[in-house]
Amino acid sequence: MADKSAFTPEEWTLLLESVMMAGIAVTAAEPSGLWGMLKEGLANSRALLQAKTMPRPVRSSKRSSPTSKPR
């Protein structure tokens, strides 16, 4: 599992900024007027707040998934 200690300060900042940039890109991808832009912005804000309050660990690719067959 990767956490903040696995990254340099510059990498960690870039990682945090990329989440916001992805949300902005989705909002700008399909302009649907003021109302659509507000709805997309609010959805992005809700998702970020949820991720901040309930962080999920990053899984290593070496871990087997529950659907994988035993060897």
Foldseek 3Di string as FASTA:
>chain_A
DDDPVVDDPVVVVVVVVVLVVVLVCVLPVDDDPDVSSVVSVVVSVVVVVVCVVDPDDDDDPPDDDPPDDDD
